[in-house]
Each structure stands twice: as C-alpha cells, then as structure tokens.
Amino acid sequence: MSEERRTVLADAAIEVLAGAGMRGLTHRAVDRAAGLPDGTTSAYFRTRAALLTALVRRLVARDQAELQAAGEAAPVPRTAEELTDGFLALTRRRLTGEGRQRSLARYACALESVRDPELREILVPRDNAGRDAVRAFLAARGVADPDARTHTLLACVDGLVLDHLLTATPVPREAVEGLVAAALR
C-alpha cells in the first residue's frame, strides 16, 4: 500500500474534519475530498479509529514542519518585538487558508483526545526549532525556569489562536505583546 496514498488520504481527512467536524469525518467523505473511488479510504484505514489516528499523525507532522521551518528561518529572536512579530506571523498562518483548516482540525482532535489516550500521546507538544528559539530567548533574558515559561507562553498563544478562530478576527499585536511581557517578568 502506497505511503503517498496514505498521505493524500490523511490530508483529505484533515480537510473533511475542518469543514464538517467529527460527525462529518467518514471514509466516504474522505474518498470524495481526495477525489478517489468509494472504498479507497476504508482499504487503507479499516476503522474510523485508524483513520483518525492517521489524520492526527499527519496533522502533527505538518505542524512540526511548519514550526521547524519558522524556527530555522529566524533562529533566536533578539528582542521582545522580534518574538512578538514571530508569534503574530504564526497566528496569521494558523487563522487563514490552509493553516485555518489545520487549526480547526487540531482543536477537534484535541477534544477527541480527552477520551483517547493514543491520540493524546500523538498530540503532546514536541520540541522543534520554533519552540527552541522561544526557550533560548527567554533563557537569555534570565527568566526563571525557561522550559515551563516557554510552555505557558506557547499555550497562551495557542489560546489566542483558538479565541480568534472562533471570532474570525486577527490576533491584535497588543495581545501578543502582553503575553511576551508577562513571560519576561
């Protein structure tokens, strides 16, 4: 069975989940979204649980690639303003276009993972160049426990993304500036 086909199906599943929610995530809907014959998705992922697991693995892989690339493009911010700019760019990506679809799917999966330990384990935050850059920025400023503070700051930025996903509005600069300032205290 083709790994490429599995990737196409997982990407289509993300699209379906973002557009139709958990109830709309069916094998047949994924077949249609991928433009493949009926039965293709079920041939690769026999159960809904297998489909959802593949979707979450692909979602995490795409998110990790995005965060890795962002961290490599601007390794360690030199100022609070640069860190704020980086977070604003991230929130824009997560609230528009394909990033918005992934955000909708990510939050649906996060809620589903409350009852599914396997999904929860896949969704656990991972190290990447973006996270490393935030941690290094905070550590360079003498912040106590930069690992915990990084986790808190990233969770707060994620909360802003969720809030503004629900209101369909961009994240204001002042909100991110406030979070960065709080992390530095």
N, C-alpha and C. Protein backbone atom coordinates (compact mmCIF):
# COMPACT_ATOMS: atom_id res chain seq x y z
N MET A 1 0.85 -1.18 0.00
CA MET A 1 0.00 0.00 0.00
C MET A 1 0.89 1.24 0.00
N SER A 2 0.57 2.14 -0.83
CA SER A 2 1.38 3.32 -1.06
C SER A 2 1.34 4.31 0.12
N GLU A 3 2.55 4.70 0.56
CA GLU A 3 2.65 5.71 1.63
C GLU A 3 2.14 7.05 1.12
N GLU A 4 2.39 7.30 -0.16
CA GLU A 4 1.91 8.55 -0.76
C GLU A 4 0.38 8.62 -0.73
N ARG A 5 -0.26 7.50 -1.02
CA ARG A 5 -1.73 7.45 -1.00
C ARG A 5 -2.25 7.67 0.43
N ARG A 6 -1.58 7.10 1.41
CA ARG A 6 -1.97 7.31 2.81
C ARG A 6 -1.88 8.80 3.18
N THR A 7 -0.84 9.46 2.69
CA THR A 7 -0.67 10.89 2.97
C THR A 7 -1.78 11.70 2.32
N VAL A 8 -2.11 11.38 1.07
CA VAL A 8 -3.19 12.07 0.38
C VAL A 8 -4.50 11.89 1.15
N LEU A 9 -4.76 10.69 1.62
CA LEU A 9 -5.99 10.42 2.36
C LEU A 9 -6.00 11.14 3.71
N ALA A 10 -4.87 11.17 4.40
CA ALA A 10 -4.81 11.87 5.68
C ALA A 10 -5.01 13.37 5.48
N ASP A 11 -4.42 13.93 4.43
CA ASP A 11 -4.64 15.35 4.14
C ASP A 11 -6.10 15.62 3.82
N ALA A 12 -6.71 14.74 3.05
CA ALA A 12 -8.14 14.89 2.74
C ALA A 12 -8.98 14.77 4.01
N ALA A 13 -8.58 13.89 4.92
CA ALA A 13 -9.31 13.75 6.19
C ALA A 13 -9.22 15.03 7.01
N ILE A 14 -8.07 15.68 7.01
CA ILE A 14 -7.93 16.97 7.70
C ILE A 14 -8.91 17.98 7.11
N GLU A 15 -8.97 18.01 5.80
CA GLU A 15 -9.88 18.93 5.11
C GLU A 15 -11.34 18.64 5.48
N VAL A 16 -11.71 17.37 5.49
CA VAL A 16 -13.08 16.98 5.84
C VAL A 16 -13.39 17.35 7.28
N LEU A 17 -12.48 17.03 8.19
CA LEU A 17 -12.71 17.34 9.60
C LEU A 17 -12.86 18.84 9.80
N ALA A 18 -12.03 19.63 9.15
CA ALA A 18 -12.11 21.08 9.28
C ALA A 18 -13.44 21.61 8.76
N GLY A 19 -13.93 21.02 7.69
CA GLY A 19 -15.15 21.51 7.09
C GLY A 19 -16.43 20.95 7.66
N ALA A 20 -16.39 19.70 8.09
CA ALA A 20 -17.63 19.03 8.50
C ALA A 20 -17.64 18.58 9.96
N GLY A 21 -16.53 18.73 10.66
CA GLY A 21 -16.48 18.32 12.06
C GLY A 21 -16.36 16.81 12.21
N MET A 22 -16.31 16.37 13.46
CA MET A 22 -16.12 14.94 13.75
C MET A 22 -17.24 14.09 13.16
N ARG A 23 -18.45 14.58 13.22
CA ARG A 23 -19.56 13.78 12.69
C ARG A 23 -19.47 13.60 11.18
N GLY A 24 -18.89 14.59 10.51
CA GLY A 24 -18.77 14.52 9.06
C GLY A 24 -17.57 13.74 8.57
N LEU A 25 -16.69 13.35 9.49
CA LEU A 25 -15.49 12.61 9.11
C LEU A 25 -15.85 11.14 8.88
N THR A 26 -16.08 10.81 7.63
CA THR A 26 -16.40 9.43 7.27
C THR A 26 -15.44 8.99 6.17
N HIS A 27 -15.34 7.68 6.00
CA HIS A 27 -14.49 7.14 4.93
C HIS A 27 -14.95 7.66 3.57
N ARG A 28 -16.24 7.66 3.36
CA ARG A 28 -16.79 8.10 2.07
C ARG A 28 -16.50 9.58 1.83
N ALA A 29 -16.63 10.42 2.87
CA ALA A 29 -16.35 11.84 2.71
C ALA A 29 -14.88 12.08 2.38
N VAL A 30 -14.01 11.28 2.96
CA VAL A 30 -12.57 11.40 2.67
C VAL A 30 -12.30 10.96 1.23
N ASP A 31 -12.95 9.88 0.79
CA ASP A 31 -12.82 9.44 -0.61
C ASP A 31 -13.17 10.59 -1.54
N ARG A 32 -14.29 11.24 -1.27
CA ARG A 32 -14.75 12.34 -2.14
C ARG A 32 -13.76 13.50 -2.10
N ALA A 33 -13.33 13.88 -0.91
CA ALA A 33 -12.40 15.02 -0.78
C ALA A 33 -11.07 14.74 -1.48
N ALA A 34 -10.65 13.49 -1.48
CA ALA A 34 -9.39 13.11 -2.13
C ALA A 34 -9.57 12.87 -3.63
N GLY A 35 -10.84 12.85 -4.08
CA GLY A 35 -11.10 12.59 -5.49
C GLY A 35 -10.81 11.16 -5.89
N LEU A 36 -11.03 10.24 -4.96
CA LEU A 36 -10.74 8.82 -5.20
C LEU A 36 -12.02 7.99 -5.15
N PRO A 37 -11.98 6.80 -5.74
CA PRO A 37 -13.18 5.96 -5.76
C PRO A 37 -13.65 5.59 -4.34
N ASP A 38 -14.96 5.41 -4.21
CA ASP A 38 -15.52 4.96 -2.94
C ASP A 38 -14.83 3.67 -2.51
N GLY A 39 -14.51 3.58 -1.24
CA GLY A 39 -13.88 2.39 -0.69
C GLY A 39 -12.37 2.52 -0.56
N THR A 40 -11.78 3.55 -1.18
CA THR A 40 -10.33 3.70 -1.12
C THR A 40 -9.87 3.93 0.31
N THR A 41 -10.51 4.86 1.00
CA THR A 41 -10.09 5.18 2.37
C THR A 41 -10.22 3.97 3.27
N SER A 42 -11.32 3.24 3.15
CA SER A 42 -11.50 2.08 4.02
C SER A 42 -10.52 0.96 3.68
N ALA A 43 -10.00 0.93 2.47
CA ALA A 43 -8.98 -0.06 2.12
C ALA A 43 -7.66 0.25 2.83
N TYR A 44 -7.39 1.52 3.05
CA TYR A 44 -6.15 1.93 3.72
C TYR A 44 -6.31 2.04 5.24
N PHE A 45 -7.48 2.48 5.66
CA PHE A 45 -7.75 2.67 7.09
C PHE A 45 -9.09 1.99 7.40
N ARG A 46 -9.01 0.75 7.87
CA ARG A 46 -10.20 -0.08 8.01
C ARG A 46 -11.24 0.50 8.97
N THR A 47 -10.80 1.15 10.02
CA THR A 47 -11.74 1.65 11.03
C THR A 47 -11.67 3.17 11.11
N ARG A 48 -12.68 3.72 11.71
CA ARG A 48 -12.68 5.17 11.95
C ARG A 48 -11.51 5.55 12.86
N ALA A 49 -11.22 4.72 13.84
CA ALA A 49 -10.09 4.99 14.75
C ALA A 49 -8.78 5.02 13.98
N ALA A 50 -8.59 4.12 13.04
CA ALA A 50 -7.37 4.10 12.23
C ALA A 50 -7.28 5.36 11.36
N LEU A 51 -8.41 5.78 10.82
CA LEU A 51 -8.45 7.00 10.01
C LEU A 51 -8.12 8.22 10.87
N LEU A 52 -8.72 8.29 12.03
CA LEU A 52 -8.47 9.43 12.93
C LEU A 52 -7.01 9.45 13.39
N THR A 53 -6.45 8.31 13.69
CA THR A 53 -5.05 8.24 14.10
C THR A 53 -4.14 8.72 12.97
N ALA A 54 -4.41 8.29 11.76
CA ALA A 54 -3.61 8.73 10.61
C ALA A 54 -3.74 10.23 10.40
N LEU A 55 -4.95 10.74 10.54
CA LEU A 55 -5.20 12.17 10.41
C LEU A 55 -4.37 12.94 11.44
N VAL A 56 -4.40 12.51 12.69
CA VAL A 56 -3.67 13.22 13.75
C VAL A 56 -2.17 13.13 13.52
N ARG A 57 -1.67 11.99 13.13
CA ARG A 57 -0.23 11.87 12.83
C ARG A 57 0.18 12.83 11.71
N ARG A 58 -0.63 12.92 10.68
CA ARG A 58 -0.33 13.82 9.56
C ARG A 58 -0.43 15.28 10.00
N LEU A 59 -1.42 15.60 10.78
CA LEU A 59 -1.60 16.96 11.30
C LEU A 59 -0.37 17.39 12.12
N VAL A 60 0.07 16.53 13.00
CA VAL A 60 1.25 16.82 13.82
C VAL A 60 2.49 16.96 12.95
N ALA A 61 2.63 16.10 11.95
CA ALA A 61 3.80 16.18 11.06
C ALA A 61 3.80 17.52 10.32
N ARG A 62 2.66 17.95 9.85
CA ARG A 62 2.59 19.23 9.13
C ARG A 62 2.84 20.40 10.07
N ASP A 63 2.28 20.35 11.27
CA ASP A 63 2.53 21.42 12.25
C ASP A 63 4.00 21.47 12.63
N GLN A 64 4.60 20.31 12.86
CA GLN A 64 6.01 20.26 13.23
C GLN A 64 6.89 20.83 12.12
N ALA A 65 6.57 20.48 10.88
CA ALA A 65 7.35 21.00 9.75
C ALA A 65 7.25 22.52 9.68
N GLU A 66 6.04 23.04 9.92
CA GLU A 66 5.85 24.50 9.91
C GLU A 66 6.66 25.17 11.01
N LEU A 67 6.61 24.62 12.22
CA LEU A 67 7.32 25.22 13.35
C LEU A 67 8.83 25.06 13.21
N GLN A 68 9.26 23.94 12.65
CA GLN A 68 10.69 23.74 12.41
C GLN A 68 11.20 24.78 11.41
N ALA A 69 10.46 24.96 10.32
CA ALA A 69 10.87 25.92 9.29
C ALA A 69 10.87 27.34 9.84
N ALA A 70 9.87 27.69 10.64
CA ALA A 70 9.81 29.03 11.22
C ALA A 70 10.99 29.28 12.13
N GLY A 71 11.34 28.30 12.94
CA GLY A 71 12.47 28.43 13.85
C GLY A 71 13.79 28.50 13.13
N GLU A 72 13.90 27.79 12.02
CA GLU A 72 15.15 27.81 11.25
C GLU A 72 15.30 29.12 10.48
N ALA A 73 14.17 29.71 10.07
CA ALA A 73 14.22 30.96 9.30
C ALA A 73 14.69 32.13 10.17
N ALA A 74 14.32 32.13 11.42
CA ALA A 74 14.70 33.20 12.35
C ALA A 74 15.04 32.53 13.68
N PRO A 75 16.23 31.94 13.81
CA PRO A 75 16.55 31.06 14.93
C PRO A 75 16.22 31.59 16.33
N VAL A 76 16.82 32.67 16.77
CA VAL A 76 16.52 33.16 18.11
C VAL A 76 16.22 34.66 18.02
N PRO A 77 15.02 35.06 18.40
CA PRO A 77 14.71 36.49 18.37
C PRO A 77 15.68 37.27 19.27
N ARG A 78 16.03 38.46 18.82
CA ARG A 78 16.95 39.29 19.62
C ARG A 78 16.22 40.22 20.56
N THR A 79 14.97 40.53 20.23
CA THR A 79 14.20 41.48 21.05
C THR A 79 12.79 40.94 21.27
N ALA A 80 12.11 41.53 22.26
CA ALA A 80 10.72 41.17 22.50
C ALA A 80 9.86 41.50 21.28
N GLU A 81 10.22 42.55 20.58
CA GLU A 81 9.48 42.93 19.37
C GLU A 81 9.62 41.85 18.29
N GLU A 82 10.82 41.30 18.12
CA GLU A 82 11.02 40.23 17.14
C GLU A 82 10.24 38.98 17.53
N LEU A 83 10.22 38.66 18.82
CA LEU A 83 9.45 37.50 19.27
C LEU A 83 7.97 37.73 19.00
N THR A 84 7.49 38.92 19.31
CA THR A 84 6.09 39.27 19.04
C THR A 84 5.79 39.15 17.55
N ASP A 85 6.67 39.66 16.71
CA ASP A 85 6.48 39.56 15.26
C ASP A 85 6.36 38.10 14.83
N GLY A 86 7.23 37.25 15.39
CA GLY A 86 7.19 35.83 15.06
C GLY A 86 5.86 35.18 15.46
N PHE A 87 5.39 35.51 16.65
CA PHE A 87 4.11 34.96 17.09
C PHE A 87 2.95 35.48 16.25
N LEU A 88 3.01 36.75 15.87
CA LEU A 88 1.95 37.30 15.02
C LEU A 88 1.93 36.61 13.66
N ALA A 89 3.10 36.35 13.11
CA ALA A 89 3.16 35.63 11.83
C ALA A 89 2.56 34.23 11.98
N LEU A 90 2.89 33.57 13.09
CA LEU A 90 2.34 32.24 13.35
C LEU A 90 0.82 32.30 13.46
N THR A 91 0.30 33.26 14.22
CA THR A 91 -1.16 33.33 14.38
C THR A 91 -1.84 33.63 13.05
N ARG A 92 -1.23 34.46 12.21
CA ARG A 92 -1.81 34.72 10.88
C ARG A 92 -1.86 33.44 10.06
N ARG A 93 -0.77 32.66 10.09
CA ARG A 93 -0.76 31.39 9.34
C ARG A 93 -1.82 30.44 9.88
N ARG A 94 -2.01 30.43 11.19
CA ARG A 94 -2.95 29.49 11.80
C ARG A 94 -4.41 29.92 11.65
N LEU A 95 -4.64 31.17 11.26
CA LEU A 95 -6.01 31.67 11.16
C LEU A 95 -6.49 31.89 9.73
N THR A 96 -5.64 31.61 8.76
CA THR A 96 -6.02 31.85 7.37
C THR A 96 -5.67 30.64 6.50
N GLY A 97 -6.41 30.50 5.42
CA GLY A 97 -6.12 29.49 4.41
C GLY A 97 -5.99 28.08 4.95
N GLU A 98 -4.96 27.39 4.47
CA GLU A 98 -4.72 26.01 4.86
C GLU A 98 -4.41 25.91 6.35
N GLY A 99 -3.76 26.92 6.91
CA GLY A 99 -3.47 26.93 8.34
C GLY A 99 -4.74 26.95 9.18
N ARG A 100 -5.75 27.64 8.69
CA ARG A 100 -7.04 27.69 9.39
C ARG A 100 -7.67 26.30 9.41
N GLN A 101 -7.59 25.61 8.28
CA GLN A 101 -8.13 24.24 8.23
C GLN A 101 -7.44 23.35 9.25
N ARG A 102 -6.11 23.44 9.31
CA ARG A 102 -5.37 22.63 10.27
C ARG A 102 -5.75 23.01 11.69
N SER A 103 -5.94 24.30 11.95
CA SER A 103 -6.32 24.73 13.30
C SER A 103 -7.68 24.14 13.69
N LEU A 104 -8.64 24.23 12.79
CA LEU A 104 -9.96 23.66 13.08
C LEU A 104 -9.85 22.16 13.37
N ALA A 105 -9.08 21.45 12.55
CA ALA A 105 -8.91 20.01 12.75
C ALA A 105 -8.15 19.73 14.05
N ARG A 106 -7.13 20.53 14.35
CA ARG A 106 -6.33 20.33 15.57
C ARG A 106 -7.20 20.44 16.83
N TYR A 107 -8.04 21.46 16.88
CA TYR A 107 -8.87 21.63 18.08
C TYR A 107 -9.91 20.53 18.19
N ALA A 108 -10.47 20.09 17.08
CA ALA A 108 -11.41 18.97 17.12
C ALA A 108 -10.71 17.71 17.63
N CYS A 109 -9.49 17.49 17.17
CA CYS A 109 -8.73 16.32 17.61
C CYS A 109 -8.31 16.43 19.07
N ALA A 110 -7.99 17.63 19.50
CA ALA A 110 -7.62 17.83 20.90
C ALA A 110 -8.78 17.44 21.81
N LEU A 111 -9.99 17.84 21.45
CA LEU A 111 -11.16 17.46 22.26
C LEU A 111 -11.40 15.96 22.22
N GLU A 112 -11.22 15.37 21.05
CA GLU A 112 -11.40 13.92 20.92
C GLU A 112 -10.36 13.17 21.75
N SER A 113 -9.16 13.73 21.86
CA SER A 113 -8.07 13.06 22.59
C SER A 113 -8.31 12.98 24.09
N VAL A 114 -9.26 13.74 24.58
CA VAL A 114 -9.60 13.65 26.01
C VAL A 114 -10.06 12.24 26.35
N ARG A 115 -10.70 11.58 25.40
CA ARG A 115 -11.21 10.22 25.61
C ARG A 115 -10.37 9.15 24.91
N ASP A 116 -9.28 9.58 24.27
CA ASP A 116 -8.48 8.63 23.50
C ASP A 116 -7.00 8.83 23.81
N PRO A 117 -6.44 7.99 24.69
CA PRO A 117 -5.05 8.17 25.10
C PRO A 117 -4.05 8.09 23.94
N GLU A 118 -4.34 7.29 22.92
CA GLU A 118 -3.42 7.19 21.78
C GLU A 118 -3.34 8.52 21.04
N LEU A 119 -4.49 9.14 20.79
CA LEU A 119 -4.48 10.45 20.14
C LEU A 119 -3.80 11.49 21.02
N ARG A 120 -4.07 11.44 22.30
CA ARG A 120 -3.47 12.40 23.24
C ARG A 120 -1.95 12.29 23.20
N GLU A 121 -1.43 11.09 23.14
CA GLU A 121 0.02 10.89 23.08
C GLU A 121 0.61 11.48 21.79
N ILE A 122 -0.09 11.32 20.69
CA ILE A 122 0.38 11.86 19.42
C ILE A 122 0.38 13.39 19.45
N LEU A 123 -0.60 13.97 20.12
CA LEU A 123 -0.77 15.43 20.14
C LEU A 123 0.12 16.14 21.17
N VAL A 124 0.83 15.40 22.01
CA VAL A 124 1.69 16.02 23.02
C VAL A 124 2.67 16.97 22.32
N PRO A 125 2.81 18.20 22.84
CA PRO A 125 3.76 19.15 22.20
C PRO A 125 5.17 18.56 22.12
N ARG A 126 5.82 18.83 21.00
CA ARG A 126 7.16 18.30 20.76
C ARG A 126 8.15 19.43 20.56
N ASP A 127 9.41 19.10 20.77
CA ASP A 127 10.45 20.08 20.51
C ASP A 127 10.58 20.29 19.01
N ASN A 128 10.88 21.50 18.64
CA ASN A 128 11.15 21.89 17.26
C ASN A 128 11.94 23.19 17.31
N ALA A 129 12.41 23.65 16.18
CA ALA A 129 13.26 24.85 16.16
C ALA A 129 12.50 26.08 16.65
N GLY A 130 11.20 26.16 16.41
CA GLY A 130 10.41 27.30 16.89
C GLY A 130 10.35 27.33 18.41
N ARG A 131 10.04 26.20 19.01
CA ARG A 131 9.98 26.10 20.48
C ARG A 131 11.36 26.37 21.07
N ASP A 132 12.40 25.82 20.45
CA ASP A 132 13.77 26.03 20.92
C ASP A 132 14.14 27.51 20.90
N ALA A 133 13.72 28.23 19.85
CA ALA A 133 14.04 29.65 19.74
C ALA A 133 13.37 30.45 20.86
N VAL A 134 12.13 30.12 21.17
CA VAL A 134 11.42 30.81 22.27
C VAL A 134 12.12 30.51 23.59
N ARG A 135 12.43 29.24 23.83
CA ARG A 135 13.12 28.85 25.07
C ARG A 135 14.47 29.58 25.19
N ALA A 136 15.23 29.62 24.11
CA ALA A 136 16.54 30.29 24.13
C ALA A 136 16.39 31.79 24.38
N PHE A 137 15.39 32.40 23.79
CA PHE A 137 15.13 33.82 24.00
C PHE A 137 14.86 34.10 25.48
N LEU A 138 13.99 33.30 26.07
CA LEU A 138 13.64 33.50 27.49
C LEU A 138 14.84 33.21 28.40
N ALA A 139 15.57 32.16 28.10
CA ALA A 139 16.74 31.81 28.92
C ALA A 139 17.79 32.90 28.85
N ALA A 140 17.99 33.50 27.68
CA ALA A 140 18.99 34.56 27.52
C ALA A 140 18.63 35.80 28.32
N ARG A 141 17.38 35.95 28.67
CA ARG A 141 16.94 37.09 29.46
C ARG A 141 16.83 36.75 30.94
N GLY A 142 17.32 35.60 31.32
CA GLY A 142 17.37 35.23 32.73
C GLY A 142 16.04 34.84 33.34
N VAL A 143 15.09 34.46 32.50
CA VAL A 143 13.78 34.05 33.01
C VAL A 143 13.95 32.76 33.81
N ALA A 144 13.37 32.73 35.00
CA ALA A 144 13.41 31.52 35.82
C ALA A 144 12.61 30.42 35.14
N ASP A 145 13.16 29.22 35.09
CA ASP A 145 12.52 28.05 34.51
C ASP A 145 12.01 28.32 33.08
N PRO A 146 12.94 28.56 32.15
CA PRO A 146 12.53 28.89 30.79
C PRO A 146 11.72 27.78 30.10
N ASP A 147 11.92 26.53 30.51
CA ASP A 147 11.12 25.45 29.90
C ASP A 147 9.64 25.61 30.25
N ALA A 148 9.36 25.81 31.52
CA ALA A 148 7.96 25.98 31.95
C ALA A 148 7.37 27.26 31.38
N ARG A 149 8.14 28.32 31.37
CA ARG A 149 7.65 29.59 30.85
C ARG A 149 7.39 29.50 29.35
N THR A 150 8.22 28.77 28.63
CA THR A 150 8.01 28.56 27.19
C THR A 150 6.69 27.82 26.98
N HIS A 151 6.48 26.77 27.75
CA HIS A 151 5.24 26.00 27.63
C HIS A 151 4.03 26.91 27.88
N THR A 152 4.10 27.71 28.92
CA THR A 152 2.98 28.59 29.25
C THR A 152 2.75 29.63 28.16
N LEU A 153 3.82 30.24 27.67
CA LEU A 153 3.68 31.26 26.63
C LEU A 153 3.08 30.66 25.37
N LEU A 154 3.56 29.49 24.97
CA LEU A 154 3.02 28.86 23.76
C LEU A 154 1.57 28.44 23.94
N ALA A 155 1.21 28.00 25.14
CA ALA A 155 -0.19 27.65 25.42
C ALA A 155 -1.08 28.90 25.34
N CYS A 156 -0.56 30.01 25.82
CA CYS A 156 -1.33 31.26 25.75
C CYS A 156 -1.51 31.72 24.30
N VAL A 157 -0.47 31.62 23.50
CA VAL A 157 -0.58 31.98 22.09
C VAL A 157 -1.58 31.04 21.41
N ASP A 158 -1.54 29.77 21.74
CA ASP A 158 -2.50 28.81 21.20
C ASP A 158 -3.92 29.20 21.59
N GLY A 159 -4.09 29.65 22.83
CA GLY A 159 -5.40 30.12 23.28
C GLY A 159 -5.88 31.32 22.48
N LEU A 160 -4.97 32.23 22.14
CA LEU A 160 -5.34 33.36 21.29
C LEU A 160 -5.79 32.89 19.92
N VAL A 161 -5.08 31.91 19.38
CA VAL A 161 -5.47 31.37 18.08
C VAL A 161 -6.88 30.79 18.17
N LEU A 162 -7.16 30.00 19.19
CA LEU A 162 -8.50 29.42 19.34
C LEU A 162 -9.55 30.52 19.47
N ASP A 163 -9.30 31.50 20.31
CA ASP A 163 -10.26 32.58 20.52
C ASP A 163 -10.55 33.32 19.21
N HIS A 164 -9.51 33.60 18.45
CA HIS A 164 -9.70 34.37 17.23
C HIS A 164 -10.16 33.50 16.06
N LEU A 165 -9.97 32.21 16.16
CA LEU A 165 -10.56 31.30 15.20
C LEU A 165 -12.09 31.33 15.35
N LEU A 166 -12.53 31.37 16.59
CA LEU A 166 -13.96 31.39 16.87
C LEU A 166 -14.61 32.71 16.46
N THR A 167 -13.87 33.81 16.57
CA THR A 167 -14.43 35.12 16.25
C THR A 167 -14.09 35.58 14.84
N ALA A 168 -13.27 34.79 14.13
CA ALA A 168 -12.86 35.12 12.76
C ALA A 168 -12.23 36.51 12.67
N THR A 169 -11.39 36.82 13.65
CA THR A 169 -10.69 38.10 13.66
C THR A 169 -9.20 37.84 13.84
N PRO A 170 -8.36 38.76 13.36
CA PRO A 170 -6.92 38.59 13.56
C PRO A 170 -6.54 38.84 15.01
N VAL A 171 -5.45 38.25 15.43
CA VAL A 171 -4.94 38.46 16.78
C VAL A 171 -4.29 39.84 16.82
N PRO A 172 -4.71 40.71 17.75
CA PRO A 172 -4.11 42.05 17.83
C PRO A 172 -2.69 41.99 18.39
N ARG A 173 -1.85 42.84 17.87
CA ARG A 173 -0.46 42.92 18.31
C ARG A 173 -0.37 43.12 19.82
N GLU A 174 -1.24 43.95 20.36
CA GLU A 174 -1.19 44.26 21.80
C GLU A 174 -1.38 43.01 22.66
N ALA A 175 -2.20 42.09 22.19
CA ALA A 175 -2.43 40.86 22.94
C ALA A 175 -1.15 40.04 23.04
N VAL A 176 -0.44 39.91 21.91
CA VAL A 176 0.81 39.15 21.91
C VAL A 176 1.89 39.88 22.68
N GLU A 177 1.95 41.20 22.55
CA GLU A 177 2.93 41.97 23.32
C GLU A 177 2.73 41.74 24.82
N GLY A 178 1.47 41.69 25.25
CA GLY A 178 1.17 41.46 26.66
C GLY A 178 1.64 40.08 27.12
N LEU A 179 1.46 39.08 26.28
CA LEU A 179 1.90 37.73 26.64
C LEU A 179 3.42 37.65 26.72
N VAL A 180 4.10 38.27 25.77
CA VAL A 180 5.57 38.26 25.78
C VAL A 180 6.07 39.01 27.02
N ALA A 181 5.47 40.16 27.32
CA ALA A 181 5.90 40.92 28.50
C ALA A 181 5.69 40.11 29.77
N ALA A 182 4.56 39.41 29.86
CA ALA A 182 4.30 38.58 31.05
C ALA A 182 5.31 37.46 31.16
N ALA A 183 5.69 36.88 30.04
CA ALA A 183 6.67 35.77 30.06
C ALA A 183 8.04 36.27 30.52
N LEU A 184 8.33 37.52 30.27
CA LEU A 184 9.63 38.08 30.64
C LEU A 184 9.69 38.55 32.09
N ARG A 185 8.55 38.67 32.74
CA ARG A 185 8.54 39.12 34.14
C ARG A 185 9.00 38.03 35.07
